[in-house]
N, C-alpha and C. Protein backbone atom coordinates (compact mmCIF):
# COMPACT_ATOMS: atom_id res chain seq x y z
N MET A 1 111.92 133.48 -13.27
CA MET A 1 112.01 134.42 -14.37
C MET A 1 113.48 134.59 -14.71
N GLU A 2 113.78 134.66 -15.97
CA GLU A 2 115.17 134.79 -16.40
C GLU A 2 115.74 136.14 -15.97
N ASP A 3 117.08 136.24 -15.99
CA ASP A 3 117.73 137.50 -15.62
C ASP A 3 117.28 138.62 -16.55
N VAL A 4 116.83 139.69 -15.95
CA VAL A 4 116.32 140.83 -16.70
C VAL A 4 117.17 142.04 -16.35
N LYS A 5 117.67 142.69 -17.34
CA LYS A 5 118.40 143.94 -17.15
C LYS A 5 117.43 145.06 -17.46
N LEU A 6 117.04 145.80 -16.41
CA LEU A 6 116.08 146.87 -16.60
C LEU A 6 116.75 148.08 -17.24
N PRO A 7 116.06 148.75 -18.15
CA PRO A 7 116.65 149.89 -18.85
C PRO A 7 116.89 151.10 -17.94
N HIS A 8 116.09 151.23 -16.87
CA HIS A 8 116.26 152.35 -15.96
C HIS A 8 116.52 151.85 -14.55
N ASP A 9 117.49 152.42 -13.88
CA ASP A 9 117.78 152.08 -12.48
C ASP A 9 117.15 153.15 -11.60
N HIS A 10 116.09 152.75 -10.88
CA HIS A 10 115.39 153.68 -9.99
C HIS A 10 115.81 153.46 -8.54
N GLY A 11 116.85 152.72 -8.33
CA GLY A 11 117.36 152.49 -6.98
C GLY A 11 116.60 151.43 -6.20
N GLN A 12 115.70 150.72 -6.85
CA GLN A 12 114.96 149.67 -6.16
C GLN A 12 115.70 148.35 -6.30
N GLN A 13 115.61 147.54 -5.29
CA GLN A 13 116.23 146.21 -5.32
C GLN A 13 115.16 145.21 -5.75
N LEU A 14 115.03 145.01 -7.05
CA LEU A 14 113.97 144.16 -7.58
C LEU A 14 114.39 142.74 -7.90
N GLU A 15 115.66 142.44 -7.75
CA GLU A 15 116.14 141.11 -8.14
C GLU A 15 115.41 140.00 -7.40
N HIS A 16 115.22 140.18 -6.07
CA HIS A 16 114.57 139.14 -5.26
C HIS A 16 113.11 138.94 -5.72
N MET A 17 112.40 140.03 -6.00
CA MET A 17 111.02 139.94 -6.46
C MET A 17 110.96 139.30 -7.84
N LEU A 18 111.86 139.69 -8.73
CA LEU A 18 111.84 139.16 -10.10
C LEU A 18 112.10 137.65 -10.13
N GLU A 19 112.85 137.15 -9.16
CA GLU A 19 113.12 135.71 -9.10
C GLU A 19 111.85 134.93 -8.78
N ARG A 20 110.86 135.59 -8.17
CA ARG A 20 109.65 134.90 -7.72
C ARG A 20 108.42 135.19 -8.58
N VAL A 21 108.58 135.88 -9.68
CA VAL A 21 107.44 136.18 -10.55
C VAL A 21 106.92 134.87 -11.15
N PRO A 22 105.63 134.57 -10.92
CA PRO A 22 105.07 133.35 -11.49
C PRO A 22 105.08 133.39 -13.02
N SER A 23 104.89 132.23 -13.61
CA SER A 23 104.89 132.13 -15.07
C SER A 23 103.63 132.76 -15.65
N LEU A 24 103.67 133.03 -16.94
CA LEU A 24 102.51 133.57 -17.63
C LEU A 24 101.34 132.60 -17.54
N ASP A 25 101.60 131.29 -17.57
CA ASP A 25 100.54 130.29 -17.43
C ASP A 25 99.83 130.42 -16.09
N ASP A 26 100.58 130.68 -15.03
CA ASP A 26 99.98 130.88 -13.71
C ASP A 26 99.04 132.08 -13.71
N PHE A 27 99.49 133.17 -14.31
CA PHE A 27 98.65 134.36 -14.38
C PHE A 27 97.44 134.13 -15.28
N GLN A 28 97.58 133.31 -16.32
CA GLN A 28 96.45 133.00 -17.19
C GLN A 28 95.40 132.22 -16.43
N THR A 29 95.82 131.31 -15.55
CA THR A 29 94.87 130.56 -14.72
C THR A 29 94.05 131.52 -13.87
N VAL A 30 94.71 132.48 -13.27
CA VAL A 30 94.01 133.49 -12.46
C VAL A 30 93.05 134.29 -13.33
N ALA A 31 93.49 134.71 -14.50
CA ALA A 31 92.64 135.48 -15.41
C ALA A 31 91.41 134.67 -15.82
N ASP A 32 91.59 133.38 -16.07
CA ASP A 32 90.47 132.53 -16.47
C ASP A 32 89.44 132.42 -15.34
N ILE A 33 89.90 132.32 -14.12
CA ILE A 33 88.98 132.27 -12.97
C ILE A 33 88.26 133.61 -12.83
N PHE A 34 88.99 134.71 -12.97
CA PHE A 34 88.36 136.03 -12.86
C PHE A 34 87.36 136.28 -13.99
N LYS A 35 87.53 135.62 -15.13
CA LYS A 35 86.56 135.77 -16.22
C LYS A 35 85.17 135.33 -15.77
N GLN A 36 85.12 134.40 -14.84
CA GLN A 36 83.84 133.92 -14.33
C GLN A 36 83.07 135.04 -13.62
N LEU A 37 83.78 136.06 -13.16
CA LEU A 37 83.13 137.17 -12.47
C LEU A 37 82.55 138.18 -13.45
N GLY A 38 82.73 137.95 -14.73
CA GLY A 38 82.27 138.90 -15.74
C GLY A 38 80.76 138.90 -15.95
N ASP A 39 80.05 138.00 -15.34
CA ASP A 39 78.61 137.92 -15.49
C ASP A 39 77.98 137.75 -14.11
N GLY A 40 77.12 138.69 -13.73
CA GLY A 40 76.49 138.66 -12.41
C GLY A 40 75.66 137.41 -12.17
N SER A 41 74.99 136.94 -13.20
CA SER A 41 74.18 135.72 -13.04
C SER A 41 75.07 134.52 -12.73
N ARG A 42 76.21 134.45 -13.39
CA ARG A 42 77.14 133.34 -13.16
C ARG A 42 77.69 133.38 -11.73
N VAL A 43 78.03 134.58 -11.28
CA VAL A 43 78.53 134.73 -9.91
C VAL A 43 77.45 134.32 -8.91
N ARG A 44 76.22 134.71 -9.19
CA ARG A 44 75.10 134.37 -8.32
C ARG A 44 74.89 132.85 -8.26
N ILE A 45 74.93 132.20 -9.42
CA ILE A 45 74.79 130.74 -9.47
C ILE A 45 75.93 130.08 -8.70
N PHE A 46 77.15 130.56 -8.90
CA PHE A 46 78.28 129.99 -8.17
C PHE A 46 78.08 130.15 -6.67
N TRP A 47 77.66 131.33 -6.24
CA TRP A 47 77.47 131.58 -4.81
C TRP A 47 76.43 130.63 -4.23
N ILE A 48 75.33 130.43 -4.95
CA ILE A 48 74.30 129.50 -4.49
C ILE A 48 74.89 128.11 -4.33
N LEU A 49 75.70 127.68 -5.33
CA LEU A 49 76.28 126.34 -5.29
C LEU A 49 77.35 126.19 -4.23
N CYS A 50 77.81 127.28 -3.66
CA CYS A 50 78.72 127.21 -2.51
C CYS A 50 77.97 126.79 -1.25
N HIS A 51 76.64 126.90 -1.29
CA HIS A 51 75.83 126.65 -0.11
C HIS A 51 74.90 125.45 -0.24
N CYS A 52 74.74 124.93 -1.45
CA CYS A 52 73.89 123.77 -1.63
C CYS A 52 74.24 123.07 -2.93
N GLU A 53 73.74 121.85 -3.05
CA GLU A 53 73.88 121.08 -4.28
C GLU A 53 72.52 121.12 -4.96
N GLU A 54 72.50 121.49 -6.25
CA GLU A 54 71.22 121.65 -6.93
C GLU A 54 71.26 121.17 -8.37
N CYS A 55 70.06 120.91 -8.89
CA CYS A 55 69.90 120.54 -10.29
C CYS A 55 69.60 121.80 -11.10
N VAL A 56 69.69 121.69 -12.42
CA VAL A 56 69.47 122.82 -13.32
C VAL A 56 68.08 123.42 -13.15
N ILE A 57 67.07 122.57 -13.05
CA ILE A 57 65.68 123.04 -12.97
C ILE A 57 65.49 123.91 -11.72
N ASN A 58 65.97 123.45 -10.58
CA ASN A 58 65.82 124.23 -9.36
C ASN A 58 66.65 125.51 -9.41
N LEU A 59 67.86 125.42 -9.95
CA LEU A 59 68.68 126.62 -10.09
C LEU A 59 67.99 127.64 -10.99
N SER A 60 67.39 127.17 -12.08
CA SER A 60 66.68 128.06 -13.00
C SER A 60 65.58 128.82 -12.26
N SER A 61 64.87 128.11 -11.43
CA SER A 61 63.80 128.73 -10.65
C SER A 61 64.37 129.72 -9.63
N MET A 62 65.46 129.36 -8.98
CA MET A 62 66.08 130.22 -7.97
C MET A 62 66.56 131.55 -8.54
N VAL A 63 67.11 131.51 -9.75
CA VAL A 63 67.69 132.73 -10.34
C VAL A 63 66.80 133.34 -11.42
N ASN A 64 65.60 132.75 -11.61
CA ASN A 64 64.64 133.27 -12.59
C ASN A 64 65.24 133.37 -13.99
N MET A 65 65.84 132.27 -14.42
CA MET A 65 66.44 132.19 -15.76
C MET A 65 65.98 130.90 -16.41
N SER A 66 66.10 130.82 -17.73
CA SER A 66 65.76 129.59 -18.43
C SER A 66 66.79 128.51 -18.11
N SER A 67 66.37 127.26 -18.23
CA SER A 67 67.29 126.14 -18.01
C SER A 67 68.48 126.17 -18.97
N PRO A 68 68.28 126.47 -20.27
CA PRO A 68 69.44 126.55 -21.16
C PRO A 68 70.44 127.63 -20.74
N ALA A 69 69.94 128.76 -20.27
CA ALA A 69 70.85 129.84 -19.84
C ALA A 69 71.64 129.40 -18.61
N VAL A 70 70.96 128.77 -17.66
CA VAL A 70 71.65 128.27 -16.47
C VAL A 70 72.66 127.20 -16.86
N SER A 71 72.28 126.30 -17.76
CA SER A 71 73.20 125.25 -18.23
C SER A 71 74.46 125.85 -18.85
N HIS A 72 74.29 126.92 -19.59
CA HIS A 72 75.45 127.61 -20.20
C HIS A 72 76.41 128.10 -19.11
N HIS A 73 75.87 128.75 -18.08
CA HIS A 73 76.72 129.24 -16.98
C HIS A 73 77.37 128.08 -16.23
N LEU A 74 76.62 127.01 -16.03
CA LEU A 74 77.18 125.84 -15.33
C LEU A 74 78.32 125.23 -16.12
N ARG A 75 78.18 125.17 -17.43
CA ARG A 75 79.25 124.63 -18.28
C ARG A 75 80.52 125.45 -18.11
N GLN A 76 80.39 126.78 -18.12
CA GLN A 76 81.57 127.64 -17.96
C GLN A 76 82.19 127.48 -16.58
N LEU A 77 81.36 127.43 -15.55
CA LEU A 77 81.89 127.26 -14.20
C LEU A 77 82.58 125.90 -14.04
N LYS A 78 82.00 124.89 -14.65
CA LYS A 78 82.59 123.55 -14.56
C LYS A 78 83.91 123.48 -15.32
N THR A 79 83.96 124.08 -16.50
CA THR A 79 85.19 124.10 -17.29
C THR A 79 86.32 124.80 -16.55
N SER A 80 85.97 125.81 -15.79
CA SER A 80 86.99 126.55 -15.04
C SER A 80 87.39 125.83 -13.75
N GLY A 81 86.71 124.75 -13.43
CA GLY A 81 87.05 123.98 -12.23
C GLY A 81 86.44 124.53 -10.95
N LEU A 82 85.50 125.46 -11.06
CA LEU A 82 84.91 126.06 -9.86
C LEU A 82 83.73 125.25 -9.31
N ILE A 83 83.10 124.44 -10.15
CA ILE A 83 82.02 123.57 -9.68
C ILE A 83 82.26 122.15 -10.17
N VAL A 84 81.57 121.22 -9.52
CA VAL A 84 81.61 119.81 -9.91
C VAL A 84 80.17 119.32 -10.04
N SER A 85 80.00 118.20 -10.69
CA SER A 85 78.66 117.64 -10.85
C SER A 85 78.69 116.15 -10.55
N ARG A 86 77.50 115.66 -10.26
CA ARG A 86 77.32 114.21 -10.09
C ARG A 86 75.96 113.85 -10.67
N ARG A 87 75.90 112.66 -11.23
CA ARG A 87 74.65 112.19 -11.86
C ARG A 87 73.99 111.19 -10.91
N GLU A 88 72.68 111.36 -10.78
CA GLU A 88 71.86 110.41 -10.02
C GLU A 88 70.66 110.07 -10.90
N GLY A 89 70.72 108.92 -11.55
CA GLY A 89 69.70 108.57 -12.53
C GLY A 89 69.80 109.52 -13.71
N LYS A 90 68.68 110.18 -14.05
CA LYS A 90 68.68 111.13 -15.15
C LYS A 90 69.02 112.55 -14.69
N GLU A 91 69.08 112.76 -13.40
CA GLU A 91 69.30 114.10 -12.84
C GLU A 91 70.79 114.35 -12.59
N VAL A 92 71.24 115.57 -12.89
CA VAL A 92 72.61 115.98 -12.61
C VAL A 92 72.57 117.07 -11.55
N TYR A 93 73.38 116.91 -10.53
CA TYR A 93 73.45 117.86 -9.43
C TYR A 93 74.80 118.56 -9.45
N TYR A 94 74.78 119.84 -9.13
CA TYR A 94 75.98 120.67 -9.16
C TYR A 94 76.23 121.26 -7.79
N LYS A 95 77.52 121.45 -7.49
CA LYS A 95 77.92 122.15 -6.26
C LYS A 95 79.30 122.74 -6.47
N ALA A 96 79.69 123.64 -5.59
CA ALA A 96 81.01 124.25 -5.69
C ALA A 96 82.09 123.19 -5.47
N ALA A 97 83.16 123.31 -6.20
CA ALA A 97 84.30 122.39 -6.03
C ALA A 97 84.95 122.65 -4.68
N GLN A 98 85.52 121.62 -4.13
CA GLN A 98 86.24 121.74 -2.85
C GLN A 98 87.70 122.05 -3.14
N THR A 99 87.93 123.21 -3.75
CA THR A 99 89.29 123.61 -4.10
C THR A 99 89.59 124.95 -3.45
N GLN A 100 90.86 125.26 -3.35
CA GLN A 100 91.30 126.54 -2.80
C GLN A 100 90.76 127.69 -3.64
N GLN A 101 90.78 127.55 -4.97
CA GLN A 101 90.30 128.62 -5.85
C GLN A 101 88.82 128.89 -5.61
N ALA A 102 88.01 127.84 -5.50
CA ALA A 102 86.57 128.03 -5.29
C ALA A 102 86.30 128.67 -3.93
N ARG A 103 87.01 128.22 -2.90
CA ARG A 103 86.83 128.81 -1.57
C ARG A 103 87.23 130.29 -1.56
N LEU A 104 88.36 130.60 -2.19
CA LEU A 104 88.79 132.00 -2.23
C LEU A 104 87.81 132.87 -2.99
N LEU A 105 87.31 132.37 -4.11
CA LEU A 105 86.34 133.14 -4.90
C LEU A 105 85.06 133.35 -4.10
N HIS A 106 84.61 132.32 -3.41
CA HIS A 106 83.41 132.43 -2.57
C HIS A 106 83.60 133.51 -1.51
N HIS A 107 84.72 133.46 -0.81
CA HIS A 107 84.98 134.46 0.24
C HIS A 107 85.11 135.87 -0.36
N MET A 108 85.73 135.96 -1.51
CA MET A 108 85.91 137.25 -2.16
C MET A 108 84.54 137.84 -2.54
N ILE A 109 83.67 137.03 -3.09
CA ILE A 109 82.33 137.49 -3.46
C ILE A 109 81.61 138.03 -2.23
N GLU A 110 81.65 137.26 -1.16
CA GLU A 110 80.96 137.69 0.06
C GLU A 110 81.57 138.95 0.65
N ALA A 111 82.87 139.06 0.61
CA ALA A 111 83.52 140.26 1.15
C ALA A 111 83.18 141.48 0.30
N LEU A 112 83.15 141.31 -1.02
CA LEU A 112 82.88 142.44 -1.90
C LEU A 112 81.45 142.94 -1.82
N VAL A 113 80.52 142.06 -1.62
CA VAL A 113 79.12 142.50 -1.55
C VAL A 113 78.54 142.40 -0.14
N GLU A 114 79.39 142.09 0.80
CA GLU A 114 79.03 142.03 2.22
C GLU A 114 77.81 141.15 2.45
N ILE A 115 77.89 139.95 1.91
CA ILE A 115 76.84 138.94 2.11
C ILE A 115 77.24 138.08 3.31
N THR A 116 76.28 137.74 4.13
CA THR A 116 76.54 136.83 5.24
C THR A 116 76.14 135.42 4.80
N CYS A 117 77.03 134.47 5.00
CA CYS A 117 76.74 133.07 4.68
C CYS A 117 75.57 132.58 5.51
N PRO A 118 74.61 131.91 4.92
CA PRO A 118 73.52 131.36 5.73
C PRO A 118 74.01 130.27 6.68
N SER A 119 75.13 129.62 6.33
CA SER A 119 75.63 128.54 7.18
C SER A 119 76.60 129.04 8.25
N ALA A 120 76.90 130.34 8.26
CA ALA A 120 77.85 130.88 9.25
C ALA A 120 77.16 131.22 10.55
């Protein structure tokens, strides 16, 4: 971050902290990931995909939603980099991405709602 002259001196030594403030783009990445938490169904689908690889039809059945609605959530999760897909013939399978962001979000969801991982 560029040198900033603060209008008020409150006696705090902020220079060291200000040197390490991430860019606005970095904060936007975090905001985009947190946007995924704005819908409970999407969070639920993501959590399921942290524990298994599934197709749209099975996910629809698991969360009691239409396939188009589930596909919409999957598109958003995939665009944000939280899930990945693979095609096998005509079927597409989805699972959580093996990234630090996906792992942190998974752990955060479980900590916030005190869910125990079935694989733990």
